[in-house]
Amino acid sequence: MMVNRFHATLDAFSEIVKAIEDFEIVQKETVSKLKAKLRLFDGSILWVREVYVNNLMEAYSYYWLRPDETMIIGWDNAPHHKNVKTYPHHRHVAGKIKDSDQKDLQEILIFIKWFFE
């Protein structure tokens, strides 16, 4: 299910996602971990990490990097920035922590597509 959703999302954004360079899934009992490195159309990279428990996403991080691997924006839900309105969901932008409404791969890719329009 998780893998099918991942590939369906990438198919829907094939105009910006040009390649899957790394892909790994680890499953143990009720926990599944997905990691991927996506190459985008402009040469930038999107690192994807999702953790599912009983088929529900419990943790995520998405890091969008320039071709030189410096960060553009990073999104995650690690519970360590309690001051953001969208806690635990937040993003890292230019060394600052900001609120984030993007909480899954599809929402991240919508944001990136919008960024280039």
C-alpha atoms as a PDB file:
ATOM      1  CA  MET A   1       0.000   0.000   0.000  1.00  0.00           C
ATOM      2  CA  MET A   2       2.699   2.484   1.018  1.00  0.00           C
ATOM      3  CA  VAL A   3       4.825   1.628  -2.029  1.00  0.00           C
ATOM      4  CA  ASN A   4       1.853   1.899  -4.392  1.00  0.00           C
ATOM      5  CA  ARG A   5       0.944   5.323  -2.978  1.00  0.00           C
ATOM      6  CA  PHE A   6       4.584   6.456  -3.289  1.00  0.00           C
ATOM      7  CA  HIS A   7       4.815   5.435  -6.957  1.00  0.00           C
ATOM      8  CA  ALA A   8       1.368   6.863  -7.778  1.00  0.00           C
ATOM      9  CA  THR A   9       2.438  10.196  -6.289  1.00  0.00           C
ATOM     10  CA  LEU A  10       5.653  10.208  -8.322  1.00  0.00           C
ATOM     11  CA  ASP A  11       3.709   9.343 -11.485  1.00  0.00           C
ATOM     12  CA  ALA A  12       1.377  12.288 -10.842  1.00  0.00           C
ATOM     13  CA  PHE A  13       4.397  14.612 -10.617  1.00  0.00           C
ATOM     14  CA  SER A  14       6.485  13.155 -13.441  1.00  0.00           C
ATOM     15  CA  GLU A  15       6.989  16.634 -14.905  1.00  0.00           C
ATOM     16  CA  ILE A  16       9.167  17.574 -11.930  1.00  0.00           C
ATOM     17  CA  VAL A  17      10.421  14.204 -10.591  1.00  0.00           C
ATOM     18  CA  LYS A  18      12.859  12.897 -13.183  1.00  0.00           C
ATOM     19  CA  ALA A  19      14.506   9.956 -11.403  1.00  0.00           C
ATOM     20  CA  ILE A  20      14.523   7.811  -8.291  1.00  0.00           C
ATOM     21  CA  GLU A  21      18.226   7.552  -7.469  1.00  0.00           C
ATOM     22  CA  ASP A  22      17.960   5.614  -4.206  1.00  0.00           C
ATOM     23  CA  PHE A  23      15.039   3.647  -2.823  1.00  0.00           C
ATOM     24  CA  GLU A  24      14.817   1.497   0.293  1.00  0.00           C
ATOM     25  CA  ILE A  25      12.000  -0.074   2.268  1.00  0.00           C
ATOM     26  CA  VAL A  26      12.479  -1.840   5.578  1.00  0.00           C
ATOM     27  CA  GLN A  27       9.534  -3.681   7.112  1.00  0.00           C
ATOM     28  CA  LYS A  28       9.394  -5.237  10.570  1.00  0.00           C
ATOM     29  CA  GLU A  29       6.088  -6.450  11.899  1.00  0.00           C
ATOM     30  CA  THR A  30       3.795  -3.387  11.934  1.00  0.00           C
ATOM     31  CA  VAL A  31       6.489  -0.796  11.145  1.00  0.00           C
ATOM     32  CA  SER A  32       7.563   0.166   7.613  1.00  0.00           C
ATOM     33  CA  LYS A  33      10.278   2.670   6.723  1.00  0.00           C
ATOM     34  CA  LEU A  34      10.627   4.195   3.279  1.00  0.00           C
ATOM     35  CA  LYS A  35      13.686   6.167   2.169  1.00  0.00           C
ATOM     36  CA  ALA A  36      14.243   7.628  -1.282  1.00  0.00           C
ATOM     37  CA  LYS A  37      16.400  10.114  -3.112  1.00  0.00           C
ATOM     38  CA  LEU A  38      14.535  11.840  -5.933  1.00  0.00           C
ATOM     39  CA  ARG A  39      16.214  13.856  -8.679  1.00  0.00           C
ATOM     40  CA  LEU A  40      14.065  16.775  -9.797  1.00  0.00           C
ATOM     41  CA  PHE A  41      13.926  18.378 -13.242  1.00  0.00           C
ATOM     42  CA  ASP A  42      16.229  21.274 -12.296  1.00  0.00           C
ATOM     43  CA  GLY A  43      18.947  19.010 -10.833  1.00  0.00           C
ATOM     44  CA  SER A  44      17.858  19.551  -7.240  1.00  0.00           C
ATOM     45  CA  ILE A  45      17.319  16.593  -4.891  1.00  0.00           C
ATOM     46  CA  LEU A  46      14.427  15.650  -2.628  1.00  0.00           C
ATOM     47  CA  TRP A  47      15.289  13.229   0.168  1.00  0.00           C
ATOM     48  CA  VAL A  48      12.216  11.375   1.408  1.00  0.00           C
ATOM     49  CA  ARG A  49      11.845   9.474   4.688  1.00  0.00           C
ATOM     50  CA  GLU A  50       8.512   8.129   5.883  1.00  0.00           C
ATOM     51  CA  VAL A  51       7.782   5.834   8.813  1.00  0.00           C
ATOM     52  CA  TYR A  52       4.479   3.957   8.960  1.00  0.00           C
ATOM     53  CA  VAL A  53       3.011   2.090  11.908  1.00  0.00           C
ATOM     54  CA  ASN A  54       0.025  -0.101  11.067  1.00  0.00           C
ATOM     55  CA  ASN A  55      -0.093   1.573   7.615  1.00  0.00           C
ATOM     56  CA  LEU A  56      -0.445   5.079   9.088  1.00  0.00           C
ATOM     57  CA  MET A  57       2.362   7.604   8.600  1.00  0.00           C
ATOM     58  CA  GLU A  58       3.761   8.463  12.019  1.00  0.00           C
ATOM     59  CA  ALA A  59       6.968  10.266  11.084  1.00  0.00           C
ATOM     60  CA  TYR A  60       8.362  11.971   8.018  1.00  0.00           C
ATOM     61  CA  SER A  61      11.119  14.189   6.742  1.00  0.00           C
ATOM     62  CA  TYR A  62      11.539  15.685   3.300  1.00  0.00           C
ATOM     63  CA  TYR A  63      14.673  17.652   2.504  1.00  0.00           C
ATOM     64  CA  TRP A  64      14.899  19.624  -0.733  1.00  0.00           C
ATOM     65  CA  LEU A  65      18.509  20.294  -1.653  1.00  0.00           C
ATOM     66  CA  ARG A  66      20.286  22.242  -4.373  1.00  0.00           C
ATOM     67  CA  PRO A  67      22.540  20.248  -6.729  1.00  0.00           C
ATOM     68  CA  ASP A  68      25.495  21.113  -4.423  1.00  0.00           C
ATOM     69  CA  GLU A  69      23.450  19.489  -1.583  1.00  0.00           C
ATOM     70  CA  THR A  70      22.854  22.708   0.380  1.00  0.00           C
ATOM     71  CA  MET A  71      19.348  22.848   1.819  1.00  0.00           C
ATOM     72  CA  ILE A  72      16.564  24.836   0.212  1.00  0.00           C
ATOM     73  CA  ILE A  73      13.770  23.724   2.574  1.00  0.00           C
ATOM     74  CA  GLY A  74      13.359  20.810   4.965  1.00  0.00           C
ATOM     75  CA  TRP A  75      10.019  19.571   6.299  1.00  0.00           C
ATOM     76  CA  ASP A  76       9.525  17.156   9.188  1.00  0.00           C
ATOM     77  CA  ASN A  77       7.367  16.311  12.170  1.00  0.00           C
ATOM     78  CA  ALA A  78      10.038  15.601  14.782  1.00  0.00           C
ATOM     79  CA  PRO A  79       8.480  16.865  18.042  1.00  0.00           C
ATOM     80  CA  HIS A  80      11.199  19.320  19.039  1.00  0.00           C
ATOM     81  CA  HIS A  81       9.889  22.766  17.994  1.00  0.00           C
ATOM     82  CA  LYS A  82       6.910  23.253  20.284  1.00  0.00           C
ATOM     83  CA  ASN A  83       6.662  26.977  19.521  1.00  0.00           C
ATOM     84  CA  VAL A  84       5.332  26.550  15.956  1.00  0.00           C
ATOM     85  CA  LYS A  85       1.578  26.818  15.393  1.00  0.00           C
ATOM     86  CA  THR A  86       1.549  23.624  13.347  1.00  0.00           C
ATOM     87  CA  TYR A  87       3.472  21.574  15.954  1.00  0.00           C
ATOM     88  CA  PRO A  88       4.898  19.024  15.430  1.00  0.00           C
ATOM     89  CA  HIS A  89       4.834  19.825  11.682  1.00  0.00           C
ATOM     90  CA  HIS A  90       7.440  22.407  10.730  1.00  0.00           C
ATOM     91  CA  ARG A  91       9.924  23.410   8.051  1.00  0.00           C
ATOM     92  CA  HIS A  92      13.517  24.552   8.056  1.00  0.00           C
ATOM     93  CA  VAL A  93      14.096  27.602   5.849  1.00  0.00           C
ATOM     94  CA  ALA A  94      17.291  29.680   5.806  1.00  0.00           C
ATOM     95  CA  GLY A  95      18.269  28.580   9.306  1.00  0.00           C
ATOM     96  CA  LYS A  96      14.837  29.352  10.764  1.00  0.00           C
ATOM     97  CA  ILE A  97      11.967  27.130  11.883  1.00  0.00           C
ATOM     98  CA  LYS A  98       8.589  27.958  10.362  1.00  0.00           C
ATOM     99  CA  ASP A  99       5.039  26.598  10.438  1.00  0.00           C
ATOM    100  CA  SER A 100       4.236  23.985   7.818  1.00  0.00           C
ATOM    101  CA  ASP A 101       0.991  22.866   6.232  1.00  0.00           C
ATOM    102  CA  GLN A 102       2.810  20.317   4.043  1.00  0.00           C
ATOM    103  CA  LYS A 103       2.634  16.908   5.727  1.00  0.00           C
ATOM    104  CA  ASP A 104       3.166  14.301   3.022  1.00  0.00           C
ATOM    105  CA  LEU A 105       5.000  13.728  -0.244  1.00  0.00           C
ATOM    106  CA  GLN A 106       2.137  14.901  -2.425  1.00  0.00           C
ATOM    107  CA  GLU A 107       1.846  18.204  -0.533  1.00  0.00           C
ATOM    108  CA  ILE A 108       5.622  18.717  -0.742  1.00  0.00           C
ATOM    109  CA  LEU A 109       5.626  18.124  -4.504  1.00  0.00           C
ATOM    110  CA  ILE A 110       2.668  20.501  -4.938  1.00  0.00           C
ATOM    111  CA  PHE A 111       4.692  23.133  -3.063  1.00  0.00           C
ATOM    112  CA  ILE A 112       7.810  22.547  -5.187  1.00  0.00           C
ATOM    113  CA  LYS A 113       5.777  22.670  -8.414  1.00  0.00           C
ATOM    114  CA  TRP A 114       4.153  25.917  -7.249  1.00  0.00           C
ATOM    115  CA  PHE A 115       7.603  27.329  -6.406  1.00  0.00           C
ATOM    116  CA  PHE A 116       8.666  27.008 -10.046  1.00  0.00           C
ATOM    117  CA  GLU A 117       5.474  28.413 -11.588  1.00  0.00           C
END
